[in-house]
């Protein structure tokens, strides 16, 4: 009888331990361990982050960090943390969370538009993928890369065509730059190169001119006409005399690219800079902004006409008045300057 009681106790204890183990196993791996209210949250793990850093980031998201840690230890994840952007769904258990963090980093849509400088571009990209702006700018201006690809620090901005691109969030700065180089090469097809050659321009010169066109007019339908004006001036060996290049030269001189200049004064035209196309014939040493593809297309497919001058049209905002000679231009310019004075636009 005594032995039966001992055996029963042992069996019950074994059953109790077994149930406790099943409970603990289930709780550790298969119970909901999320505490956030959103349908999903994104977790960002930077290169070099260890498990302790990950624990700290996950603490506000989890019901039990200790259960997560135990599950991670059992699954061998603690020593295998990988960088990337990952998604955790509401109601996920630790097994699902760890599997998500072990998976591939999510792809993000990287978008940028008409930045004037590589520094601004680096800052914009750093808001969307893991590398910081310093590492991105360093990659952009790497001397060996620029020499190998035929760029200079002044025209390196030409390589980055405003658009949307897909990247893994944890891509490196160098990989981002290299993918932009591939996109640049893909854009400059033999057909586009031939169009540029027929205009007497290189690909880099096309982008230089497209940047000026971009700054001159926001009206896409007017860009081919504006491009035609500058190409006419180039054929006649006239100076481009583009106000946006003067504004860029002033920003560069004063190292203030946040300033807004609405009116170029005669005294501004004397600023000594290779970007000042009133002082120097030909195109500037690099683009004054990133031109849209529509601006590049406008240069490659310009409107054929005999216009040599243009000025903003106050009676049709956003568009311009065009002239074939200095007399016509003086008349159009008077209309515009009177409007500026009447509206007290002095700078």
C-alpha atoms as a PDB file:
ATOM      1  CA  UNK A   1       0.000   0.000   0.000  1.00  0.00           C
ATOM      2  CA  UNK A   2       2.811   2.338   0.954  1.00  0.00           C
ATOM      3  CA  UNK A   3       4.609   1.620  -2.276  1.00  0.00           C
ATOM      4  CA  UNK A   4       1.484   2.396  -4.282  1.00  0.00           C
ATOM      5  CA  UNK A   5       1.172   5.781  -2.569  1.00  0.00           C
ATOM      6  CA  UNK A   6       4.830   6.551  -3.320  1.00  0.00           C
ATOM      7  CA  UNK A   7       4.355   5.507  -6.929  1.00  0.00           C
ATOM      8  CA  UNK A   8       1.183   7.614  -7.213  1.00  0.00           C
ATOM      9  CA  UNK A   9       2.995  10.623  -5.775  1.00  0.00           C
ATOM     10  CA  UNK A  10       5.843  10.147  -8.246  1.00  0.00           C
ATOM     11  CA  UNK A  11       3.404   9.858 -11.129  1.00  0.00           C
ATOM     12  CA  UNK A  12       1.519  12.961 -10.046  1.00  0.00           C
ATOM     13  CA  UNK A  13       4.759  14.893  -9.588  1.00  0.00           C
ATOM     14  CA  UNK A  14       5.920  13.788 -13.018  1.00  0.00           C
ATOM     15  CA  UNK A  15       2.609  14.789 -14.516  1.00  0.00           C
ATOM     16  CA  UNK A  16       2.836  18.134 -12.702  1.00  0.00           C
ATOM     17  CA  UNK A  17       6.347  18.766 -13.966  1.00  0.00           C
ATOM     18  CA  UNK A  18       5.263  17.732 -17.453  1.00  0.00           C
ATOM     19  CA  UNK A  19       2.292  20.066 -17.419  1.00  0.00           C
ATOM     20  CA  UNK A  20       4.453  22.851 -16.056  1.00  0.00           C
ATOM     21  CA  UNK A  21       7.019  22.230 -18.806  1.00  0.00           C
ATOM     22  CA  UNK A  22       4.283  22.273 -21.470  1.00  0.00           C
ATOM     23  CA  UNK A  23       2.904  25.471 -19.955  1.00  0.00           C
ATOM     24  CA  UNK A  24       6.344  27.079 -19.842  1.00  0.00           C
ATOM     25  CA  UNK A  25       7.190  25.941 -23.366  1.00  0.00           C
ATOM     26  CA  UNK A  26       3.887  27.219 -24.732  1.00  0.00           C
ATOM     27  CA  UNK A  27       4.168  30.532 -22.890  1.00  0.00           C
ATOM     28  CA  UNK A  28       7.743  31.033 -24.047  1.00  0.00           C
ATOM     29  CA  UNK A  29       7.186  30.227 -27.707  1.00  0.00           C
ATOM     30  CA  UNK A  30       3.519  30.340 -28.642  1.00  0.00           C
ATOM     31  CA  UNK A  31       1.642  32.872 -26.526  1.00  0.00           C
ATOM     32  CA  UNK A  32       1.003  36.394 -27.798  1.00  0.00           C
ATOM     33  CA  UNK A  33       3.913  38.489 -26.547  1.00  0.00           C
ATOM     34  CA  UNK A  34       3.064  41.859 -28.103  1.00  0.00           C
ATOM     35  CA  UNK A  35       1.782  44.856 -26.196  1.00  0.00           C
ATOM     36  CA  UNK A  36       1.463  47.496 -28.936  1.00  0.00           C
ATOM     37  CA  UNK A  37      -1.939  48.572 -30.278  1.00  0.00           C
ATOM     38  CA  UNK A  38      -1.045  49.048 -33.943  1.00  0.00           C
ATOM     39  CA  UNK A  39      -1.604  46.279 -36.481  1.00  0.00           C
ATOM     40  CA  UNK A  40       2.148  46.083 -37.006  1.00  0.00           C
ATOM     41  CA  UNK A  41       5.345  47.811 -35.949  1.00  0.00           C
ATOM     42  CA  UNK A  42       8.715  48.129 -37.658  1.00  0.00           C
ATOM     43  CA  UNK A  43      11.964  47.230 -35.940  1.00  0.00           C
ATOM     44  CA  UNK A  44      15.233  48.758 -37.155  1.00  0.00           C
ATOM     45  CA  UNK A  45      18.456  46.916 -36.332  1.00  0.00           C
ATOM     46  CA  UNK A  46      21.606  48.777 -37.306  1.00  0.00           C
ATOM     47  CA  UNK A  47      24.859  47.162 -38.356  1.00  0.00           C
ATOM     48  CA  UNK A  48      26.800  46.293 -35.192  1.00  0.00           C
ATOM     49  CA  UNK A  49      23.765  46.206 -32.884  1.00  0.00           C
ATOM     50  CA  UNK A  50      23.951  43.259 -30.464  1.00  0.00           C
ATOM     51  CA  UNK A  51      21.209  41.378 -28.624  1.00  0.00           C
ATOM     52  CA  UNK A  52      21.303  43.738 -25.641  1.00  0.00           C
ATOM     53  CA  UNK A  53      20.636  46.690 -27.949  1.00  0.00           C
ATOM     54  CA  UNK A  54      17.801  44.766 -29.577  1.00  0.00           C
ATOM     55  CA  UNK A  55      16.343  43.944 -26.145  1.00  0.00           C
ATOM     56  CA  UNK A  56      16.315  47.631 -25.295  1.00  0.00           C
ATOM     57  CA  UNK A  57      14.530  48.489 -28.558  1.00  0.00           C
ATOM     58  CA  UNK A  58      11.939  45.748 -28.106  1.00  0.00           C
ATOM     59  CA  UNK A  59      11.153  46.410 -24.431  1.00  0.00           C
ATOM     60  CA  UNK A  60       8.261  48.859 -25.129  1.00  0.00           C
ATOM     61  CA  UNK A  61       6.765  46.393 -27.630  1.00  0.00           C
ATOM     62  CA  UNK A  62       6.763  43.157 -25.624  1.00  0.00           C
ATOM     63  CA  UNK A  63       4.728  41.838 -22.711  1.00  0.00           C
ATOM     64  CA  UNK A  64       7.656  39.806 -21.440  1.00  0.00           C
ATOM     65  CA  UNK A  65      11.241  40.550 -22.453  1.00  0.00           C
ATOM     66  CA  UNK A  66      12.443  37.618 -20.341  1.00  0.00           C
ATOM     67  CA  UNK A  67      10.262  35.161 -22.281  1.00  0.00           C
ATOM     68  CA  UNK A  68      11.540  36.612 -25.545  1.00  0.00           C
ATOM     69  CA  UNK A  69      15.133  36.288 -24.326  1.00  0.00           C
ATOM     70  CA  UNK A  70      14.575  32.680 -23.296  1.00  0.00           C
ATOM     71  CA  UNK A  71      13.059  31.845 -26.673  1.00  0.00           C
ATOM     72  CA  UNK A  72      15.900  33.624 -28.476  1.00  0.00           C
ATOM     73  CA  UNK A  73      18.455  31.650 -26.472  1.00  0.00           C
ATOM     74  CA  UNK A  74      16.752  28.321 -27.221  1.00  0.00           C
ATOM     75  CA  UNK A  75      16.551  29.154 -30.950  1.00  0.00           C
ATOM     76  CA  UNK A  76      20.195  30.269 -31.101  1.00  0.00           C
ATOM     77  CA  UNK A  77      19.271  33.817 -32.119  1.00  0.00           C
ATOM     78  CA  UNK A  78      21.141  35.720 -29.401  1.00  0.00           C
ATOM     79  CA  UNK A  79      24.485  35.387 -31.187  1.00  0.00           C
ATOM     80  CA  UNK A  80      23.017  35.783 -34.665  1.00  0.00           C
ATOM     81  CA  UNK A  81      21.388  39.222 -34.654  1.00  0.00           C
ATOM     82  CA  UNK A  82      21.345  40.662 -38.162  1.00  0.00           C
ATOM     83  CA  UNK A  83      20.800  44.210 -39.306  1.00  0.00           C
ATOM     84  CA  UNK A  84      17.789  45.342 -41.276  1.00  0.00           C
ATOM     85  CA  UNK A  85      14.245  46.640 -41.178  1.00  0.00           C
ATOM     86  CA  UNK A  86      11.722  44.060 -39.982  1.00  0.00           C
ATOM     87  CA  UNK A  87       7.988  43.962 -39.279  1.00  0.00           C
ATOM     88  CA  UNK A  88       6.271  42.451 -36.239  1.00  0.00           C
ATOM     89  CA  UNK A  89       2.530  41.861 -36.438  1.00  0.00           C
ATOM     90  CA  UNK A  90       0.225  42.466 -33.496  1.00  0.00           C
ATOM     91  CA  UNK A  91      -0.476  39.205 -31.635  1.00  0.00           C
ATOM     92  CA  UNK A  92       2.832  37.580 -32.665  1.00  0.00           C
ATOM     93  CA  UNK A  93       4.385  35.019 -30.354  1.00  0.00           C
ATOM     94  CA  UNK A  94       8.097  34.826 -29.637  1.00  0.00           C
ATOM     95  CA  UNK A  95       8.631  32.110 -32.224  1.00  0.00           C
ATOM     96  CA  UNK A  96       7.051  34.300 -34.902  1.00  0.00           C
ATOM     97  CA  UNK A  97       8.922  37.401 -33.742  1.00  0.00           C
ATOM     98  CA  UNK A  98      12.295  35.659 -33.891  1.00  0.00           C
ATOM     99  CA  UNK A  99      11.521  34.151 -37.292  1.00  0.00           C
ATOM    100  CA  UNK A 100      10.605  37.639 -38.560  1.00  0.00           C
ATOM    101  CA  UNK A 101      13.858  39.097 -37.236  1.00  0.00           C
ATOM    102  CA  UNK A 102      15.788  36.243 -38.834  1.00  0.00           C
ATOM    103  CA  UNK A 103      14.220  36.875 -42.238  1.00  0.00           C
ATOM    104  CA  UNK A 104      15.303  39.206 -45.006  1.00  0.00           C
ATOM    105  CA  UNK A 105      15.365  42.912 -44.334  1.00  0.00           C
ATOM    106  CA  UNK A 106      12.357  44.712 -45.781  1.00  0.00           C
ATOM    107  CA  UNK A 107      12.703  46.624 -49.022  1.00  0.00           C
ATOM    108  CA  UNK A 108      12.038  50.360 -48.741  1.00  0.00           C
ATOM    109  CA  UNK A 109      11.119  52.816 -51.480  1.00  0.00           C
ATOM    110  CA  UNK A 110      13.833  55.508 -51.528  1.00  0.00           C
ATOM    111  CA  UNK A 111      12.708  58.796 -53.071  1.00  0.00           C
ATOM    112  CA  UNK A 112      14.534  62.058 -53.697  1.00  0.00           C
ATOM    113  CA  UNK A 113      13.987  65.079 -55.905  1.00  0.00           C
ATOM    114  CA  UNK A 114      15.740  68.281 -56.947  1.00  0.00           C
ATOM    115  CA  UNK A 115      18.476  68.818 -54.393  1.00  0.00           C
ATOM    116  CA  UNK A 116      21.134  71.413 -55.173  1.00  0.00           C
ATOM    117  CA  UNK A 117      24.022  69.730 -53.389  1.00  0.00           C
ATOM    118  CA  UNK A 118      25.279  66.284 -52.484  1.00  0.00           C
ATOM    119  CA  UNK A 119      25.106  67.253 -48.803  1.00  0.00           C
ATOM    120  CA  UNK A 120      21.336  67.730 -49.065  1.00  0.00           C
ATOM    121  CA  UNK A 121      20.976  64.479 -50.974  1.00  0.00           C
ATOM    122  CA  UNK A 122      22.928  62.573 -48.317  1.00  0.00           C
ATOM    123  CA  UNK A 123      20.689  64.017 -45.613  1.00  0.00           C
ATOM    124  CA  UNK A 124      17.545  63.045 -47.509  1.00  0.00           C
ATOM    125  CA  UNK A 125      18.716  59.474 -48.158  1.00  0.00           C
ATOM    126  CA  UNK A 126      19.831  59.020 -44.533  1.00  0.00           C
ATOM    127  CA  UNK A 127      16.201  59.569 -43.496  1.00  0.00           C
ATOM    128  CA  UNK A 128      15.167  56.512 -45.504  1.00  0.00           C
ATOM    129  CA  UNK A 129      17.898  53.848 -45.153  1.00  0.00           C
ATOM    130  CA  UNK A 130      20.371  52.808 -42.456  1.00  0.00           C
ATOM    131  CA  UNK A 131      23.627  54.637 -43.464  1.00  0.00           C
ATOM    132  CA  UNK A 132      24.018  58.105 -41.960  1.00  0.00           C
ATOM    133  CA  UNK A 133      24.563  61.254 -44.002  1.00  0.00           C
ATOM    134  CA  UNK A 134      28.320  61.385 -43.316  1.00  0.00           C
ATOM    135  CA  UNK A 135      28.953  57.856 -44.605  1.00  0.00           C
ATOM    136  CA  UNK A 136      26.762  58.545 -47.640  1.00  0.00           C
ATOM    137  CA  UNK A 137      28.533  61.807 -48.481  1.00  0.00           C
ATOM    138  CA  UNK A 138      31.904  60.108 -48.049  1.00  0.00           C
ATOM    139  CA  UNK A 139      30.839  57.433 -50.529  1.00  0.00           C
ATOM    140  CA  UNK A 140      29.489  60.049 -52.967  1.00  0.00           C
ATOM    141  CA  UNK A 141      32.775  61.963 -52.958  1.00  0.00           C
ATOM    142  CA  UNK A 142      35.170  59.014 -52.843  1.00  0.00           C
ATOM    143  CA  UNK A 143      38.051  60.183 -55.085  1.00  0.00           C
ATOM    144  CA  UNK A 144      38.763  56.738 -56.526  1.00  0.00           C
ATOM    145  CA  UNK A 145      35.110  56.214 -57.443  1.00  0.00           C
ATOM    146  CA  UNK A 146      34.802  59.652 -59.078  1.00  0.00           C
ATOM    147  CA  UNK A 147      38.014  59.183 -61.069  1.00  0.00           C
ATOM    148  CA  UNK A 148      36.994  55.713 -62.215  1.00  0.00           C
ATOM    149  CA  UNK A 149      33.525  56.858 -63.354  1.00  0.00           C
ATOM    150  CA  UNK A 150      34.625  60.111 -64.969  1.00  0.00           C
ATOM    151  CA  UNK A 151      33.141  62.566 -62.463  1.00  0.00           C
ATOM    152  CA  UNK A 152      34.515  65.441 -60.410  1.00  0.00           C
ATOM    153  CA  UNK A 153      33.317  66.765 -57.046  1.00  0.00           C
ATOM    154  CA  UNK A 154      31.623  69.599 -58.961  1.00  0.00           C
ATOM    155  CA  UNK A 155      29.578  67.392 -61.292  1.00  0.00           C
ATOM    156  CA  UNK A 156      29.110  64.244 -59.167  1.00  0.00           C
ATOM    157  CA  UNK A 157      25.521  65.342 -58.501  1.00  0.00           C
ATOM    158  CA  UNK A 158      24.799  64.552 -62.164  1.00  0.00           C
ATOM    159  CA  UNK A 159      24.799  60.824 -61.414  1.00  0.00           C
ATOM    160  CA  UNK A 160      21.727  60.952 -59.160  1.00  0.00           C
ATOM    161  CA  UNK A 161      18.528  61.108 -61.190  1.00  0.00           C
ATOM    162  CA  UNK A 162      15.451  62.134 -59.142  1.00  0.00           C
ATOM    163  CA  UNK A 163      13.116  59.167 -58.928  1.00  0.00           C
ATOM    164  CA  UNK A 164      11.989  56.366 -56.609  1.00  0.00           C
ATOM    165  CA  UNK A 165      14.233  53.342 -56.076  1.00  0.00           C
ATOM    166  CA  UNK A 166      13.912  50.096 -54.100  1.00  0.00           C
ATOM    167  CA  UNK A 167      16.607  49.222 -51.559  1.00  0.00           C
ATOM    168  CA  UNK A 168      17.016  46.973 -48.565  1.00  0.00           C
ATOM    169  CA  UNK A 169      16.905  49.263 -45.536  1.00  0.00           C
ATOM    170  CA  UNK A 170      20.297  48.012 -44.327  1.00  0.00           C
ATOM    171  CA  UNK A 171      22.078  48.576 -47.635  1.00  0.00           C
ATOM    172  CA  UNK A 172      25.507  50.203 -47.341  1.00  0.00           C
ATOM    173  CA  UNK A 173      26.357  53.726 -48.461  1.00  0.00           C
ATOM    174  CA  UNK A 174      28.660  52.304 -51.128  1.00  0.00           C
ATOM    175  CA  UNK A 175      25.963  49.960 -52.430  1.00  0.00           C
ATOM    176  CA  UNK A 176      23.477  52.824 -52.659  1.00  0.00           C
ATOM    177  CA  UNK A 177      25.988  54.878 -54.647  1.00  0.00           C
ATOM    178  CA  UNK A 178      26.859  51.934 -56.919  1.00  0.00           C
ATOM    179  CA  UNK A 179      23.195  51.257 -57.666  1.00  0.00           C
ATOM    180  CA  UNK A 180      22.743  54.930 -58.585  1.00  0.00           C
ATOM    181  CA  UNK A 181      25.661  54.579 -60.992  1.00  0.00           C
ATOM    182  CA  UNK A 182      23.939  51.587 -62.624  1.00  0.00           C
ATOM    183  CA  UNK A 183      20.690  53.558 -62.939  1.00  0.00           C
ATOM    184  CA  UNK A 184      22.629  56.440 -64.499  1.00  0.00           C
ATOM    185  CA  UNK A 185      24.202  54.079 -67.032  1.00  0.00           C
ATOM    186  CA  UNK A 186      20.839  52.520 -67.838  1.00  0.00           C
ATOM    187  CA  UNK A 187      19.327  55.955 -68.393  1.00  0.00           C
ATOM    188  CA  UNK A 188      22.016  56.996 -70.852  1.00  0.00           C
ATOM    189  CA  UNK A 189      21.084  54.642 -73.633  1.00  0.00           C
ATOM    190  CA  UNK A 190      22.825  54.777 -76.980  1.00  0.00           C
ATOM    191  CA  UNK A 191      19.824  56.671 -78.322  1.00  0.00           C
ATOM    192  CA  UNK A 192      20.094  59.422 -75.705  1.00  0.00           C
ATOM    193  CA  UNK A 193      23.866  59.627 -76.156  1.00  0.00           C
ATOM    194  CA  UNK A 194      23.318  60.082 -79.877  1.00  0.00           C
ATOM    195  CA  UNK A 195      20.765  62.844 -79.252  1.00  0.00           C
ATOM    196  CA  UNK A 196      23.272  64.622 -77.013  1.00  0.00           C
ATOM    197  CA  UNK A 197      26.034  64.223 -79.587  1.00  0.00           C
ATOM    198  CA  UNK A 198      23.851  65.743 -82.306  1.00  0.00           C
ATOM    199  CA  UNK A 199      23.477  68.808 -80.068  1.00  0.00           C
ATOM    200  CA  UNK A 200      27.247  68.963 -79.589  1.00  0.00           C
ATOM    201  CA  UNK A 201      26.909  68.087 -75.908  1.00  0.00           C
ATOM    202  CA  UNK A 202      28.128  65.314 -73.638  1.00  0.00           C
ATOM    203  CA  UNK A 203      25.824  63.556 -71.181  1.00  0.00           C
ATOM    204  CA  UNK A 204      27.219  65.664 -68.337  1.00  0.00           C
ATOM    205  CA  UNK A 205      26.690  68.870 -70.327  1.00  0.00           C
ATOM    206  CA  UNK A 206      23.100  67.875 -71.040  1.00  0.00           C
ATOM    207  CA  UNK A 207      22.477  67.520 -67.310  1.00  0.00           C
ATOM    208  CA  UNK A 208      24.207  70.859 -66.623  1.00  0.00           C
ATOM    209  CA  UNK A 209      21.889  72.582 -69.082  1.00  0.00           C
ATOM    210  CA  UNK A 210      18.828  70.625 -67.901  1.00  0.00           C
ATOM    211  CA  UNK A 211      19.512  71.848 -64.363  1.00  0.00           C
ATOM    212  CA  UNK A 212      19.332  75.448 -65.588  1.00  0.00           C
ATOM    213  CA  UNK A 213      16.118  74.715 -67.495  1.00  0.00           C
ATOM    214  CA  UNK A 214      14.721  73.087 -64.342  1.00  0.00           C
ATOM    215  CA  UNK A 215      15.385  76.238 -62.329  1.00  0.00           C
ATOM    216  CA  UNK A 216      14.094  78.574 -65.016  1.00  0.00           C
ATOM    217  CA  UNK A 217      10.613  77.080 -65.327  1.00  0.00           C
ATOM    218  CA  UNK A 218       8.425  74.708 -63.358  1.00  0.00           C
ATOM    219  CA  UNK A 219       6.130  74.365 -66.353  1.00  0.00           C
ATOM    220  CA  UNK A 220       7.000  71.062 -67.996  1.00  0.00           C
ATOM    221  CA  UNK A 221       5.359  72.061 -71.287  1.00  0.00           C
ATOM    222  CA  UNK A 222       7.570  75.173 -71.503  1.00  0.00           C
ATOM    223  CA  UNK A 223      10.882  73.440 -70.846  1.00  0.00           C
ATOM    224  CA  UNK A 224      11.611  72.442 -74.476  1.00  0.00           C
ATOM    225  CA  UNK A 225      11.217  76.107 -75.510  1.00  0.00           C
ATOM    226  CA  UNK A 226      13.522  77.325 -72.724  1.00  0.00           C
ATOM    227  CA  UNK A 227      16.045  74.633 -73.650  1.00  0.00           C
ATOM    228  CA  UNK A 228      15.861  75.837 -77.249  1.00  0.00           C
ATOM    229  CA  UNK A 229      16.766  79.386 -76.160  1.00  0.00           C
ATOM    230  CA  UNK A 230      19.942  78.245 -74.422  1.00  0.00           C
ATOM    231  CA  UNK A 231      20.936  75.934 -77.263  1.00  0.00           C
ATOM    232  CA  UNK A 232      20.498  78.848 -79.685  1.00  0.00           C
ATOM    233  CA  UNK A 233      22.776  80.967 -77.513  1.00  0.00           C
ATOM    234  CA  UNK A 234      25.376  78.194 -77.358  1.00  0.00           C
ATOM    235  CA  UNK A 235      25.344  77.905 -81.183  1.00  0.00           C
ATOM    236  CA  UNK A 236      25.930  81.658 -81.476  1.00  0.00           C
ATOM    237  CA  UNK A 237      28.696  81.474 -78.832  1.00  0.00           C
ATOM    238  CA  UNK A 238      26.738  83.878 -76.638  1.00  0.00           C
ATOM    239  CA  UNK A 239      26.981  83.740 -72.869  1.00  0.00           C
ATOM    240  CA  UNK A 240      24.044  81.882 -71.353  1.00  0.00           C
ATOM    241  CA  UNK A 241      23.314  84.713 -68.897  1.00  0.00           C
ATOM    242  CA  UNK A 242      21.061  82.488 -66.800  1.00  0.00           C
ATOM    243  CA  UNK A 243      19.862  84.094 -63.560  1.00  0.00           C
ATOM    244  CA  UNK A 244      19.648  80.725 -61.706  1.00  0.00           C
ATOM    245  CA  UNK A 245      23.400  80.277 -62.141  1.00  0.00           C
ATOM    246  CA  UNK A 246      23.981  83.680 -60.516  1.00  0.00           C
ATOM    247  CA  UNK A 247      21.738  82.715 -57.605  1.00  0.00           C
ATOM    248  CA  UNK A 248      23.664  79.450 -57.203  1.00  0.00           C
ATOM    249  CA  UNK A 249      26.977  81.329 -57.307  1.00  0.00           C
ATOM    250  CA  UNK A 250      25.739  83.652 -54.564  1.00  0.00           C
ATOM    251  CA  UNK A 251      24.583  80.753 -52.386  1.00  0.00           C
ATOM    252  CA  UNK A 252      27.915  79.034 -52.896  1.00  0.00           C
ATOM    253  CA  UNK A 253      29.841  82.205 -52.118  1.00  0.00           C
ATOM    254  CA  UNK A 254      27.972  82.842 -48.879  1.00  0.00           C
ATOM    255  CA  UNK A 255      27.613  79.118 -48.079  1.00  0.00           C
ATOM    256  CA  UNK A 256      23.898  79.571 -47.497  1.00  0.00           C
ATOM    257  CA  UNK A 257      21.751  77.300 -49.641  1.00  0.00           C
ATOM    258  CA  UNK A 258      18.624  77.914 -47.591  1.00  0.00           C
ATOM    259  CA  UNK A 259      18.282  81.550 -48.621  1.00  0.00           C
ATOM    260  CA  UNK A 260      15.535  82.474 -51.101  1.00  0.00           C
ATOM    261  CA  UNK A 261      16.419  85.024 -53.788  1.00  0.00           C
ATOM    262  CA  UNK A 262      13.452  86.165 -55.884  1.00  0.00           C
ATOM    263  CA  UNK A 263      15.144  88.957 -57.810  1.00  0.00           C
ATOM    264  CA  UNK A 264      18.645  89.137 -59.267  1.00  0.00           C
ATOM    265  CA  UNK A 265      20.108  92.642 -59.138  1.00  0.00           C
ATOM    266  CA  UNK A 266      22.646  94.140 -61.544  1.00  0.00           C
ATOM    267  CA  UNK A 267      25.303  94.126 -58.828  1.00  0.00           C
ATOM    268  CA  UNK A 268      24.810  90.371 -58.417  1.00  0.00           C
ATOM    269  CA  UNK A 269      25.876  89.800 -62.010  1.00  0.00           C
ATOM    270  CA  UNK A 270      29.463  90.766 -61.167  1.00  0.00           C
ATOM    271  CA  UNK A 271      30.052  87.968 -58.635  1.00  0.00           C
ATOM    272  CA  UNK A 272      33.237  86.109 -59.553  1.00  0.00           C
ATOM    273  CA  UNK A 273      32.358  82.449 -59.911  1.00  0.00           C
ATOM    274  CA  UNK A 274      32.615  79.845 -62.643  1.00  0.00           C
ATOM    275  CA  UNK A 275      28.916  79.304 -62.025  1.00  0.00           C
ATOM    276  CA  UNK A 276      28.117  82.872 -63.061  1.00  0.00           C
ATOM    277  CA  UNK A 277      27.130  82.541 -66.711  1.00  0.00           C
ATOM    278  CA  UNK A 278      27.018  86.325 -67.062  1.00  0.00           C
ATOM    279  CA  UNK A 279      30.783  86.378 -66.448  1.00  0.00           C
ATOM    280  CA  UNK A 280      31.829  83.126 -68.111  1.00  0.00           C
ATOM    281  CA  UNK A 281      30.869  81.700 -71.489  1.00  0.00           C
ATOM    282  CA  UNK A 282      29.569  78.149 -71.659  1.00  0.00           C
ATOM    283  CA  UNK A 283      28.073  75.846 -69.090  1.00  0.00           C
ATOM    284  CA  UNK A 284      28.974  75.908 -65.383  1.00  0.00           C
ATOM    285  CA  UNK A 285      31.374  73.256 -63.994  1.00  0.00           C
ATOM    286  CA  UNK A 286      28.493  71.201 -62.631  1.00  0.00           C
ATOM    287  CA  UNK A 287      24.702  71.130 -62.315  1.00  0.00           C
ATOM    288  CA  UNK A 288      23.099  73.777 -60.104  1.00  0.00           C
ATOM    289  CA  UNK A 289      20.425  71.276 -59.091  1.00  0.00           C
ATOM    290  CA  UNK A 290      19.233  67.770 -59.894  1.00  0.00           C
ATOM    291  CA  UNK A 291      17.132  68.115 -63.045  1.00  0.00           C
ATOM    292  CA  UNK A 292      13.973  66.079 -63.512  1.00  0.00           C
ATOM    293  CA  UNK A 293      13.956  63.575 -66.337  1.00  0.00           C
ATOM    294  CA  UNK A 294      11.472  65.918 -68.049  1.00  0.00           C
ATOM    295  CA  UNK A 295      14.107  68.672 -68.034  1.00  0.00           C
ATOM    296  CA  UNK A 296      16.719  66.315 -69.472  1.00  0.00           C
ATOM    297  CA  UNK A 297      14.220  65.258 -72.126  1.00  0.00           C
ATOM    298  CA  UNK A 298      13.563  68.930 -72.910  1.00  0.00           C
ATOM    299  CA  UNK A 299      17.251  69.488 -73.643  1.00  0.00           C
ATOM    300  CA  UNK A 300      17.511  66.337 -75.754  1.00  0.00           C
ATOM    301  CA  UNK A 301      14.316  67.264 -77.624  1.00  0.00           C
ATOM    302  CA  UNK A 302      14.324  71.078 -77.719  1.00  0.00           C
ATOM    303  CA  UNK A 303      11.766  73.200 -79.490  1.00  0.00           C
ATOM    304  CA  UNK A 304      13.191  74.615 -82.692  1.00  0.00           C
ATOM    305  CA  UNK A 305      12.797  78.399 -82.885  1.00  0.00           C
ATOM    306  CA  UNK A 306      14.866  81.601 -83.141  1.00  0.00           C
ATOM    307  CA  UNK A 307      14.329  82.932 -79.626  1.00  0.00           C
ATOM    308  CA  UNK A 308      17.417  84.148 -77.783  1.00  0.00           C
ATOM    309  CA  UNK A 309      15.876  85.789 -74.728  1.00  0.00           C
ATOM    310  CA  UNK A 310      13.053  85.285 -72.253  1.00  0.00           C
ATOM    311  CA  UNK A 311      11.717  86.847 -69.082  1.00  0.00           C
ATOM    312  CA  UNK A 312       8.941  85.922 -66.646  1.00  0.00           C
ATOM    313  CA  UNK A 313       5.429  86.738 -67.827  1.00  0.00           C
ATOM    314  CA  UNK A 314       3.544  88.453 -64.975  1.00  0.00           C
ATOM    315  CA  UNK A 315       0.265  88.072 -66.872  1.00  0.00           C
ATOM    316  CA  UNK A 316       0.650  84.299 -67.113  1.00  0.00           C
ATOM    317  CA  UNK A 317       2.279  83.143 -63.859  1.00  0.00           C
ATOM    318  CA  UNK A 318       4.871  80.423 -64.269  1.00  0.00           C
ATOM    319  CA  UNK A 319       5.391  81.083 -67.964  1.00  0.00           C
ATOM    320  CA  UNK A 320       7.700  83.454 -69.861  1.00  0.00           C
ATOM    321  CA  UNK A 321       7.772  86.069 -72.612  1.00  0.00           C
ATOM    322  CA  UNK A 322      10.209  85.125 -75.400  1.00  0.00           C
ATOM    323  CA  UNK A 323      12.091  87.393 -77.771  1.00  0.00           C
ATOM    324  CA  UNK A 324      14.247  86.977 -80.878  1.00  0.00           C
ATOM    325  CA  UNK A 325      16.330  90.121 -80.408  1.00  0.00           C
ATOM    326  CA  UNK A 326      17.424  92.630 -77.814  1.00  0.00           C
ATOM    327  CA  UNK A 327      14.774  95.191 -78.741  1.00  0.00           C
ATOM    328  CA  UNK A 328      11.910  92.749 -78.172  1.00  0.00           C
ATOM    329  CA  UNK A 329      13.533  91.519 -74.979  1.00  0.00           C
ATOM    330  CA  UNK A 330      13.908  95.050 -73.590  1.00  0.00           C
ATOM    331  CA  UNK A 331      10.192  95.594 -74.107  1.00  0.00           C
ATOM    332  CA  UNK A 332       9.306  92.314 -72.363  1.00  0.00           C
ATOM    333  CA  UNK A 333      11.751  92.996 -69.561  1.00  0.00           C
ATOM    334  CA  UNK A 334      10.185  96.382 -68.881  1.00  0.00           C
ATOM    335  CA  UNK A 335       6.815  94.702 -68.387  1.00  0.00           C
ATOM    336  CA  UNK A 336       8.330  92.320 -65.858  1.00  0.00           C
ATOM    337  CA  UNK A 337      10.399  94.871 -63.911  1.00  0.00           C
ATOM    338  CA  UNK A 338       7.394  97.179 -63.589  1.00  0.00           C
ATOM    339  CA  UNK A 339       5.459  94.270 -62.119  1.00  0.00           C
ATOM    340  CA  UNK A 340       8.295  93.552 -59.664  1.00  0.00           C
ATOM    341  CA  UNK A 341       8.422  97.178 -58.553  1.00  0.00           C
ATOM    342  CA  UNK A 342       4.657  97.404 -58.274  1.00  0.00           C
ATOM    343  CA  UNK A 343       4.631  94.319 -56.035  1.00  0.00           C
ATOM    344  CA  UNK A 344       7.693  95.515 -54.092  1.00  0.00           C
ATOM    345  CA  UNK A 345       9.835  92.493 -54.921  1.00  0.00           C
ATOM    346  CA  UNK A 346      13.245  93.967 -54.227  1.00  0.00           C
ATOM    347  CA  UNK A 347      15.234  90.798 -53.449  1.00  0.00           C
END
